[in-house]
Amino acid sequence: MNLYQNLGYLVLGSRLRRLSESFLAEINRAYQNEGIDFDASWFPVFYLLSKNESLSIKELSEQTEVSHPAASQLIANLKNKKLVTSATCADDGRRQLVQLTDSGRELLGKILPMWDAILLTMDEVLVDEPGCRELLPAIGALENAFKSANLADRITDKLSHELKPAANE
């Protein structure tokens, strides 16, 4: 067992970050192998825009569960690459509606088969490693638990009450 496995929940965030970085690096390498100039971090925006003609930055932010500034930064990056454009909403001048450009739609056509290949490959990985089958349900359960647990307050409570040194020691 390595250090990360020995430390359990003390390094949960680090392990998940390492796993995510490793997974995204492999996905990006697969795009590169196919000569597709696409970054896996763009996936949520491309996916949502593949299902919707246009979305506001606020809608993108809410649906991807990232902050509005993070969504704005990603959209700005995609605009610089000429993959998306935005226009003022006719109904509400404060809203910017984001949509794929012709170049973005062309790129989408190239990456859709990649998404199918990723899903098929991950299904194969799950067959080869049965312990992985519960990963997505477990992550979902943990996300829900964290939303309702108020983890920081519970940790502080443990320090204050259960782990408080005795006055006589």
N, C-alpha and C. Protein backbone atom coordinates (compact mmCIF):
# COMPACT_ATOMS: atom_id res chain seq x y z
N MET A 1 0.85 -1.18 0.00
CA MET A 1 0.00 0.00 0.00
C MET A 1 0.89 1.25 0.00
N ASN A 2 0.53 2.22 -0.84
CA ASN A 2 1.33 3.44 -0.88
C ASN A 2 0.85 4.44 0.16
N LEU A 3 1.55 5.54 0.26
CA LEU A 3 1.23 6.58 1.24
C LEU A 3 -0.22 7.02 1.15
N TYR A 4 -0.69 7.28 -0.07
CA TYR A 4 -2.05 7.76 -0.25
C TYR A 4 -3.08 6.74 0.23
N GLN A 5 -2.85 5.47 -0.05
CA GLN A 5 -3.78 4.44 0.39
C GLN A 5 -3.76 4.29 1.91
N ASN A 6 -2.59 4.44 2.53
CA ASN A 6 -2.47 4.30 3.98
C ASN A 6 -3.17 5.42 4.74
N LEU A 7 -3.21 6.63 4.17
CA LEU A 7 -3.75 7.78 4.89
C LEU A 7 -5.26 7.96 4.73
N GLY A 8 -5.90 7.16 3.92
CA GLY A 8 -7.36 7.16 3.81
C GLY A 8 -7.95 8.54 3.53
N TYR A 9 -8.93 8.93 4.35
CA TYR A 9 -9.67 10.17 4.10
C TYR A 9 -8.84 11.43 4.31
N LEU A 10 -7.69 11.30 4.97
CA LEU A 10 -6.84 12.49 5.15
C LEU A 10 -6.32 13.01 3.81
N VAL A 11 -6.25 12.15 2.81
CA VAL A 11 -5.75 12.57 1.50
C VAL A 11 -6.78 12.32 0.40
N LEU A 12 -8.05 12.26 0.76
CA LEU A 12 -9.10 12.01 -0.23
C LEU A 12 -9.04 13.04 -1.35
N GLY A 13 -8.97 14.31 -1.02
CA GLY A 13 -8.92 15.35 -2.04
C GLY A 13 -7.72 15.21 -2.94
N SER A 14 -6.58 14.90 -2.37
CA SER A 14 -5.36 14.73 -3.17
C SER A 14 -5.49 13.54 -4.11
N ARG A 15 -6.05 12.45 -3.62
CA ARG A 15 -6.22 11.27 -4.47
C ARG A 15 -7.19 11.53 -5.60
N LEU A 16 -8.30 12.22 -5.29
CA LEU A 16 -9.28 12.53 -6.33
C LEU A 16 -8.68 13.49 -7.36
N ARG A 17 -7.90 14.45 -6.90
CA ARG A 17 -7.26 15.39 -7.83
C ARG A 17 -6.27 14.65 -8.73
N ARG A 18 -5.46 13.77 -8.13
CA ARG A 18 -4.49 12.99 -8.92
C ARG A 18 -5.21 12.12 -9.95
N LEU A 19 -6.30 11.47 -9.52
CA LEU A 19 -7.07 10.62 -10.42
C LEU A 19 -7.66 11.45 -11.56
N SER A 20 -8.22 12.59 -11.22
CA SER A 20 -8.81 13.48 -12.22
C SER A 20 -7.76 13.97 -13.21
N GLU A 21 -6.63 14.43 -12.69
CA GLU A 21 -5.56 14.92 -13.57
C GLU A 21 -5.05 13.82 -14.49
N SER A 22 -4.90 12.62 -13.96
CA SER A 22 -4.43 11.49 -14.75
C SER A 22 -5.45 11.13 -15.84
N PHE A 23 -6.72 11.07 -15.46
CA PHE A 23 -7.78 10.76 -16.41
C PHE A 23 -7.85 11.81 -17.52
N LEU A 24 -7.86 13.09 -17.15
CA LEU A 24 -7.94 14.16 -18.15
C LEU A 24 -6.72 14.18 -19.05
N ALA A 25 -5.55 13.88 -18.51
CA ALA A 25 -4.34 13.82 -19.33
C ALA A 25 -4.46 12.71 -20.38
N GLU A 26 -5.00 11.56 -19.99
CA GLU A 26 -5.19 10.46 -20.94
C GLU A 26 -6.22 10.83 -22.00
N ILE A 27 -7.29 11.47 -21.59
CA ILE A 27 -8.33 11.88 -22.56
C ILE A 27 -7.74 12.90 -23.52
N ASN A 28 -6.99 13.87 -23.01
CA ASN A 28 -6.36 14.87 -23.88
C ASN A 28 -5.37 14.21 -24.84
N ARG A 29 -4.66 13.20 -24.36
CA ARG A 29 -3.72 12.49 -25.23
C ARG A 29 -4.46 11.75 -26.34
N ALA A 30 -5.64 11.22 -26.02
CA ALA A 30 -6.45 10.54 -27.04
C ALA A 30 -6.89 11.54 -28.11
N TYR A 31 -7.31 12.73 -27.69
CA TYR A 31 -7.67 13.77 -28.67
C TYR A 31 -6.46 14.10 -29.55
N GLN A 32 -5.30 14.27 -28.92
CA GLN A 32 -4.08 14.59 -29.67
C GLN A 32 -3.74 13.47 -30.65
N ASN A 33 -3.87 12.22 -30.21
CA ASN A 33 -3.58 11.08 -31.08
C ASN A 33 -4.44 11.10 -32.34
N GLU A 34 -5.65 11.65 -32.22
CA GLU A 34 -6.55 11.73 -33.36
C GLU A 34 -6.41 13.05 -34.12
N GLY A 35 -5.46 13.89 -33.69
CA GLY A 35 -5.24 15.16 -34.36
C GLY A 35 -6.35 16.17 -34.11
N ILE A 36 -7.04 16.02 -32.99
CA ILE A 36 -8.15 16.91 -32.65
C ILE A 36 -7.68 17.91 -31.61
N ASP A 37 -7.77 19.20 -31.94
CA ASP A 37 -7.35 20.26 -31.03
C ASP A 37 -8.50 20.56 -30.07
N PHE A 38 -8.59 19.74 -29.03
CA PHE A 38 -9.67 19.86 -28.04
C PHE A 38 -9.10 19.56 -26.68
N ASP A 39 -9.52 20.31 -25.69
CA ASP A 39 -9.08 20.09 -24.31
C ASP A 39 -10.25 19.55 -23.51
N ALA A 40 -10.03 18.50 -22.75
CA ALA A 40 -11.10 17.87 -21.99
C ALA A 40 -11.80 18.84 -21.04
N SER A 41 -11.12 19.89 -20.62
CA SER A 41 -11.75 20.87 -19.72
C SER A 41 -12.87 21.64 -20.42
N TRP A 42 -12.90 21.60 -21.75
CA TRP A 42 -13.96 22.28 -22.50
C TRP A 42 -15.22 21.43 -22.60
N PHE A 43 -15.11 20.15 -22.24
CA PHE A 43 -16.21 19.20 -22.44
C PHE A 43 -17.56 19.70 -21.93
N PRO A 44 -17.68 20.18 -20.68
CA PRO A 44 -19.02 20.55 -20.20
C PRO A 44 -19.70 21.60 -21.09
N VAL A 45 -18.96 22.60 -21.54
CA VAL A 45 -19.54 23.64 -22.38
C VAL A 45 -19.95 23.06 -23.73
N PHE A 46 -19.08 22.28 -24.33
CA PHE A 46 -19.40 21.68 -25.62
C PHE A 46 -20.59 20.73 -25.51
N TYR A 47 -20.61 19.96 -24.44
CA TYR A 47 -21.73 19.03 -24.27
C TYR A 47 -23.04 19.80 -24.15
N LEU A 48 -23.07 20.79 -23.27
CA LEU A 48 -24.30 21.56 -23.08
C LEU A 48 -24.72 22.29 -24.35
N LEU A 49 -23.75 22.85 -25.08
CA LEU A 49 -24.09 23.55 -26.32
C LEU A 49 -24.44 22.58 -27.45
N SER A 50 -24.04 21.31 -27.32
CA SER A 50 -24.47 20.31 -28.31
C SER A 50 -25.94 19.98 -28.11
N LYS A 51 -26.45 20.23 -26.92
CA LYS A 51 -27.85 19.92 -26.59
C LYS A 51 -28.74 21.15 -26.62
N ASN A 52 -28.14 22.35 -26.69
CA ASN A 52 -28.88 23.61 -26.66
C ASN A 52 -28.31 24.54 -27.72
N GLU A 53 -29.17 25.26 -28.39
CA GLU A 53 -28.72 26.23 -29.40
C GLU A 53 -27.81 27.28 -28.77
N SER A 54 -28.25 27.79 -27.62
CA SER A 54 -27.45 28.78 -26.89
C SER A 54 -27.83 28.73 -25.42
N LEU A 55 -26.90 29.16 -24.58
CA LEU A 55 -27.11 29.22 -23.13
C LEU A 55 -26.42 30.47 -22.60
N SER A 56 -26.97 31.02 -21.55
CA SER A 56 -26.30 32.15 -20.90
C SER A 56 -25.14 31.64 -20.07
N ILE A 57 -24.23 32.53 -19.74
CA ILE A 57 -23.10 32.14 -18.89
C ILE A 57 -23.63 31.68 -17.54
N LYS A 58 -24.67 32.33 -17.05
CA LYS A 58 -25.26 31.92 -15.78
C LYS A 58 -25.80 30.49 -15.87
N GLU A 59 -26.49 30.17 -16.97
CA GLU A 59 -27.00 28.81 -17.14
C GLU A 59 -25.86 27.81 -17.23
N LEU A 60 -24.81 28.16 -17.97
CA LEU A 60 -23.64 27.27 -18.05
C LEU A 60 -23.02 27.07 -16.68
N SER A 61 -22.91 28.15 -15.93
CA SER A 61 -22.33 28.11 -14.58
C SER A 61 -23.17 27.19 -13.67
N GLU A 62 -24.47 27.37 -13.71
CA GLU A 62 -25.35 26.58 -12.85
C GLU A 62 -25.35 25.10 -13.23
N GLN A 63 -25.41 24.83 -14.53
CA GLN A 63 -25.49 23.43 -14.96
C GLN A 63 -24.18 22.69 -14.77
N THR A 64 -23.05 23.40 -14.84
CA THR A 64 -21.76 22.74 -14.63
C THR A 64 -21.31 22.83 -13.17
N GLU A 65 -22.07 23.54 -12.37
CA GLU A 65 -21.78 23.71 -10.94
C GLU A 65 -20.40 24.29 -10.70
N VAL A 66 -20.06 25.32 -11.48
CA VAL A 66 -18.84 26.10 -11.26
C VAL A 66 -19.24 27.54 -11.04
N SER A 67 -18.34 28.31 -10.49
CA SER A 67 -18.65 29.71 -10.23
C SER A 67 -18.87 30.46 -11.54
N HIS A 68 -19.60 31.56 -11.46
CA HIS A 68 -19.83 32.39 -12.64
C HIS A 68 -18.51 32.90 -13.21
N PRO A 69 -17.56 33.37 -12.36
CA PRO A 69 -16.27 33.80 -12.91
C PRO A 69 -15.51 32.67 -13.63
N ALA A 70 -15.58 31.45 -13.09
CA ALA A 70 -14.90 30.33 -13.74
C ALA A 70 -15.54 30.04 -15.10
N ALA A 71 -16.86 30.07 -15.16
CA ALA A 71 -17.56 29.85 -16.43
C ALA A 71 -17.22 30.97 -17.41
N SER A 72 -17.18 32.20 -16.94
CA SER A 72 -16.84 33.34 -17.80
C SER A 72 -15.44 33.21 -18.36
N GLN A 73 -14.51 32.77 -17.52
CA GLN A 73 -13.12 32.60 -17.95
C GLN A 73 -13.02 31.52 -19.03
N LEU A 74 -13.73 30.41 -18.85
CA LEU A 74 -13.71 29.34 -19.85
C LEU A 74 -14.31 29.83 -21.16
N ILE A 75 -15.42 30.57 -21.08
CA ILE A 75 -16.06 31.10 -22.29
C ILE A 75 -15.11 32.08 -22.98
N ALA A 76 -14.42 32.92 -22.22
CA ALA A 76 -13.47 33.86 -22.81
C ALA A 76 -12.36 33.10 -23.55
N ASN A 77 -11.89 32.03 -22.96
CA ASN A 77 -10.87 31.19 -23.59
C ASN A 77 -11.39 30.60 -24.90
N LEU A 78 -12.61 30.09 -24.89
CA LEU A 78 -13.20 29.51 -26.08
C LEU A 78 -13.49 30.57 -27.14
N LYS A 79 -13.82 31.78 -26.70
CA LYS A 79 -14.01 32.89 -27.66
C LYS A 79 -12.69 33.22 -28.34
N ASN A 80 -11.60 33.26 -27.56
CA ASN A 80 -10.28 33.56 -28.13
C ASN A 80 -9.89 32.52 -29.18
N LYS A 81 -10.36 31.31 -29.01
CA LYS A 81 -10.06 30.25 -29.96
C LYS A 81 -11.10 30.21 -31.09
N LYS A 82 -12.05 31.14 -31.03
CA LYS A 82 -13.10 31.28 -32.05
C LYS A 82 -13.99 30.04 -32.13
N LEU A 83 -14.20 29.39 -30.99
CA LEU A 83 -15.05 28.20 -30.93
C LEU A 83 -16.46 28.53 -30.46
N VAL A 84 -16.61 29.62 -29.71
CA VAL A 84 -17.92 30.09 -29.28
C VAL A 84 -18.00 31.58 -29.52
N THR A 85 -19.22 32.05 -29.55
CA THR A 85 -19.47 33.49 -29.63
C THR A 85 -20.58 33.80 -28.65
N SER A 86 -20.74 35.05 -28.32
CA SER A 86 -21.85 35.42 -27.45
C SER A 86 -22.53 36.65 -28.01
N ALA A 87 -23.79 36.73 -27.73
CA ALA A 87 -24.59 37.88 -28.19
C ALA A 87 -25.54 38.27 -27.06
N THR A 88 -25.90 39.52 -27.04
CA THR A 88 -26.83 40.02 -26.03
C THR A 88 -28.20 39.41 -26.28
N CYS A 89 -28.82 38.96 -25.21
CA CYS A 89 -30.15 38.36 -25.29
C CYS A 89 -31.15 39.44 -25.68
N ALA A 90 -32.04 39.13 -26.63
CA ALA A 90 -33.04 40.10 -27.09
C ALA A 90 -34.02 40.47 -25.98
N ASP A 91 -34.33 39.52 -25.09
CA ASP A 91 -35.30 39.76 -24.02
C ASP A 91 -34.70 40.48 -22.83
N ASP A 92 -33.39 40.29 -22.59
CA ASP A 92 -32.73 40.85 -21.42
C ASP A 92 -31.32 41.27 -21.81
N GLY A 93 -31.11 42.56 -21.97
CA GLY A 93 -29.83 43.08 -22.42
C GLY A 93 -28.66 42.79 -21.50
N ARG A 94 -28.93 42.35 -20.27
CA ARG A 94 -27.85 42.04 -19.33
C ARG A 94 -27.29 40.64 -19.56
N ARG A 95 -28.06 39.78 -20.21
CA ARG A 95 -27.66 38.38 -20.42
C ARG A 95 -26.90 38.23 -21.73
N GLN A 96 -25.81 37.49 -21.66
CA GLN A 96 -25.04 37.13 -22.85
C GLN A 96 -25.33 35.67 -23.17
N LEU A 97 -25.80 35.41 -24.38
CA LEU A 97 -26.07 34.03 -24.80
C LEU A 97 -24.88 33.50 -25.57
N VAL A 98 -24.39 32.35 -25.16
CA VAL A 98 -23.22 31.72 -25.75
C VAL A 98 -23.69 30.65 -26.73
N GLN A 99 -23.05 30.59 -27.86
CA GLN A 99 -23.34 29.53 -28.83
C GLN A 99 -22.07 29.15 -29.57
N LEU A 100 -22.08 27.96 -30.15
CA LEU A 100 -20.94 27.50 -30.93
C LEU A 100 -20.84 28.29 -32.23
N THR A 101 -19.62 28.60 -32.63
CA THR A 101 -19.38 29.19 -33.94
C THR A 101 -19.37 28.06 -34.97
N ASP A 102 -19.21 28.41 -36.25
CA ASP A 102 -19.08 27.38 -37.27
C ASP A 102 -17.88 26.48 -36.96
N SER A 103 -16.78 27.09 -36.53
CA SER A 103 -15.59 26.31 -36.16
C SER A 103 -15.88 25.41 -34.97
N GLY A 104 -16.64 25.92 -34.00
CA GLY A 104 -17.02 25.12 -32.84
C GLY A 104 -17.90 23.95 -33.22
N ARG A 105 -18.85 24.17 -34.14
CA ARG A 105 -19.72 23.07 -34.61
C ARG A 105 -18.91 22.04 -35.40
N GLU A 106 -17.94 22.51 -36.17
CA GLU A 106 -17.07 21.59 -36.91
C GLU A 106 -16.26 20.73 -35.93
N LEU A 107 -15.72 21.38 -34.88
CA LEU A 107 -14.98 20.64 -33.87
C LEU A 107 -15.89 19.65 -33.15
N LEU A 108 -17.12 20.07 -32.86
CA LEU A 108 -18.08 19.19 -32.21
C LEU A 108 -18.28 17.92 -33.03
N GLY A 109 -18.38 18.07 -34.35
CA GLY A 109 -18.54 16.90 -35.21
C GLY A 109 -17.38 15.93 -35.10
N LYS A 110 -16.18 16.46 -34.85
CA LYS A 110 -15.00 15.60 -34.71
C LYS A 110 -14.95 14.92 -33.34
N ILE A 111 -15.46 15.61 -32.32
CA ILE A 111 -15.31 15.05 -30.97
C ILE A 111 -16.45 14.13 -30.56
N LEU A 112 -17.59 14.22 -31.22
CA LEU A 112 -18.70 13.33 -30.85
C LEU A 112 -18.31 11.86 -30.92
N PRO A 113 -17.62 11.40 -31.98
CA PRO A 113 -17.18 9.99 -31.97
C PRO A 113 -16.19 9.68 -30.84
N MET A 114 -15.40 10.66 -30.45
CA MET A 114 -14.47 10.47 -29.33
C MET A 114 -15.25 10.20 -28.04
N TRP A 115 -16.33 10.92 -27.84
CA TRP A 115 -17.12 10.71 -26.62
C TRP A 115 -17.67 9.29 -26.59
N ASP A 116 -18.14 8.80 -27.74
CA ASP A 116 -18.62 7.42 -27.79
C ASP A 116 -17.49 6.44 -27.49
N ALA A 117 -16.30 6.72 -28.05
CA ALA A 117 -15.14 5.85 -27.81
C ALA A 117 -14.73 5.87 -26.34
N ILE A 118 -14.81 7.03 -25.71
CA ILE A 118 -14.48 7.15 -24.28
C ILE A 118 -15.44 6.29 -23.47
N LEU A 119 -16.74 6.39 -23.75
CA LEU A 119 -17.73 5.60 -23.01
C LEU A 119 -17.51 4.10 -23.21
N LEU A 120 -17.25 3.68 -24.44
CA LEU A 120 -17.00 2.26 -24.70
C LEU A 120 -15.74 1.77 -23.98
N THR A 121 -14.70 2.60 -24.01
CA THR A 121 -13.45 2.24 -23.34
C THR A 121 -13.64 2.13 -21.83
N MET A 122 -14.36 3.07 -21.25
CA MET A 122 -14.59 3.02 -19.80
C MET A 122 -15.43 1.80 -19.43
N ASP A 123 -16.39 1.43 -20.29
CA ASP A 123 -17.15 0.20 -20.04
C ASP A 123 -16.22 -1.01 -20.02
N GLU A 124 -15.25 -1.05 -20.92
CA GLU A 124 -14.27 -2.15 -20.95
C GLU A 124 -13.42 -2.15 -19.68
N VAL A 125 -13.00 -0.98 -19.25
CA VAL A 125 -12.20 -0.88 -18.02
C VAL A 125 -13.00 -1.44 -16.84
N LEU A 126 -14.29 -1.13 -16.80
CA LEU A 126 -15.12 -1.62 -15.70
C LEU A 126 -15.25 -3.14 -15.72
N VAL A 127 -15.30 -3.72 -16.90
CA VAL A 127 -15.36 -5.18 -17.00
C VAL A 127 -14.07 -5.79 -16.49
N ASP A 128 -12.93 -5.17 -16.84
CA ASP A 128 -11.62 -5.67 -16.42
C ASP A 128 -11.36 -5.45 -14.94
N GLU A 129 -11.96 -4.43 -14.36
CA GLU A 129 -11.76 -4.09 -12.94
C GLU A 129 -13.12 -3.95 -12.25
N PRO A 130 -13.73 -5.05 -11.82
CA PRO A 130 -15.07 -4.98 -11.23
C PRO A 130 -15.19 -4.02 -10.05
N GLY A 131 -14.12 -3.78 -9.33
CA GLY A 131 -14.17 -2.85 -8.20
C GLY A 131 -14.49 -1.43 -8.61
N CYS A 132 -14.29 -1.12 -9.89
CA CYS A 132 -14.55 0.23 -10.39
C CYS A 132 -16.03 0.49 -10.66
N ARG A 133 -16.83 -0.55 -10.72
CA ARG A 133 -18.24 -0.40 -11.10
C ARG A 133 -19.01 0.53 -10.17
N GLU A 134 -18.61 0.60 -8.93
CA GLU A 134 -19.33 1.42 -7.95
C GLU A 134 -18.77 2.83 -7.83
N LEU A 135 -17.77 3.16 -8.65
CA LEU A 135 -17.12 4.46 -8.53
C LEU A 135 -18.09 5.63 -8.73
N LEU A 136 -18.79 5.67 -9.84
CA LEU A 136 -19.68 6.81 -10.09
C LEU A 136 -20.81 6.90 -9.07
N PRO A 137 -21.47 5.79 -8.71
CA PRO A 137 -22.48 5.90 -7.65
C PRO A 137 -21.87 6.36 -6.31
N ALA A 138 -20.66 5.90 -6.00
CA ALA A 138 -20.02 6.30 -4.74
C ALA A 138 -19.66 7.78 -4.77
N ILE A 139 -19.17 8.27 -5.90
CA ILE A 139 -18.85 9.70 -6.00
C ILE A 139 -20.13 10.52 -5.84
N GLY A 140 -21.20 10.10 -6.49
CA GLY A 140 -22.48 10.80 -6.36
C GLY A 140 -22.97 10.82 -4.91
N ALA A 141 -22.85 9.70 -4.24
CA ALA A 141 -23.28 9.62 -2.83
C ALA A 141 -22.42 10.53 -1.96
N LEU A 142 -21.12 10.56 -2.22
CA LEU A 142 -20.22 11.41 -1.45
C LEU A 142 -20.52 12.89 -1.71
N GLU A 143 -20.78 13.24 -2.96
CA GLU A 143 -21.15 14.64 -3.27
C GLU A 143 -22.41 15.04 -2.51
N ASN A 144 -23.41 14.15 -2.49
CA ASN A 144 -24.64 14.44 -1.75
C ASN A 144 -24.39 14.54 -0.26
N ALA A 145 -23.55 13.66 0.26
CA ALA A 145 -23.23 13.69 1.69
C ALA A 145 -22.53 15.00 2.05
N PHE A 146 -21.60 15.44 1.22
CA PHE A 146 -20.88 16.69 1.49
C PHE A 146 -21.81 17.89 1.43
N LYS A 147 -22.81 17.85 0.56
CA LYS A 147 -23.75 18.98 0.47
C LYS A 147 -24.56 19.12 1.75
N SER A 148 -24.88 18.01 2.37
CA SER A 148 -25.73 18.07 3.56
C SER A 148 -24.94 17.99 4.87
N ALA A 149 -23.68 17.66 4.82
CA ALA A 149 -22.92 17.37 6.04
C ALA A 149 -22.33 18.61 6.71
N ASN A 150 -22.08 19.68 6.00
CA ASN A 150 -21.35 20.82 6.53
C ASN A 150 -20.09 20.32 7.23
N LEU A 151 -19.22 19.75 6.43
CA LEU A 151 -18.04 19.04 6.90
C LEU A 151 -17.15 19.89 7.82
N ALA A 152 -16.89 21.13 7.44
CA ALA A 152 -16.00 21.98 8.25
C ALA A 152 -16.55 22.16 9.66
N ASP A 153 -17.85 22.42 9.79
CA ASP A 153 -18.43 22.59 11.12
C ASP A 153 -18.39 21.30 11.92
N ARG A 154 -18.59 20.19 11.27
CA ARG A 154 -18.55 18.90 11.97
C ARG A 154 -17.14 18.58 12.46
N ILE A 155 -16.13 18.93 11.67
CA ILE A 155 -14.75 18.72 12.09
C ILE A 155 -14.43 19.60 13.30
N THR A 156 -14.85 20.86 13.24
CA THR A 156 -14.64 21.78 14.35
C THR A 156 -15.33 21.27 15.61
N ASP A 157 -16.53 20.73 15.45
CA ASP A 157 -17.28 20.19 16.58
C ASP A 157 -16.53 19.01 17.22
N LYS A 158 -15.96 18.17 16.38
CA LYS A 158 -15.18 17.03 16.91
C LYS A 158 -13.99 17.54 17.73
N LEU A 159 -13.34 18.58 17.21
CA LEU A 159 -12.19 19.14 17.93
C LEU A 159 -12.62 19.75 19.26
N SER A 160 -13.76 20.41 19.26
CA SER A 160 -14.23 21.10 20.45
C SER A 160 -14.77 20.16 21.53
N HIS A 161 -15.41 19.10 21.12
CA HIS A 161 -16.08 18.26 22.10
C HIS A 161 -15.46 16.89 22.30
N GLU A 162 -15.28 16.16 21.25
CA GLU A 162 -14.84 14.78 21.39
C GLU A 162 -13.33 14.64 21.54
N LEU A 163 -12.57 15.55 20.95
CA LEU A 163 -11.12 15.42 20.99
C LEU A 163 -10.46 16.45 21.91
N LYS A 164 -11.29 17.14 22.67
CA LYS A 164 -10.79 18.17 23.58
C LYS A 164 -10.00 17.50 24.70
N PRO A 165 -8.78 17.96 24.94
CA PRO A 165 -7.99 17.35 26.03
C PRO A 165 -8.68 17.55 27.40
N ALA A 166 -8.57 16.57 28.23
CA ALA A 166 -9.14 16.68 29.58
C ALA A 166 -8.43 17.76 30.35
N ALA A 167 -9.17 18.47 31.21
CA ALA A 167 -8.62 19.60 31.97
C ALA A 167 -7.54 19.14 32.92
N ASN A 168 -7.57 17.90 33.41
CA ASN A 168 -6.63 17.42 34.41
C ASN A 168 -5.30 16.95 33.80
N GLU A 169 -5.24 16.79 32.51
CA GLU A 169 -4.04 16.22 31.91
C GLU A 169 -2.93 17.21 31.82
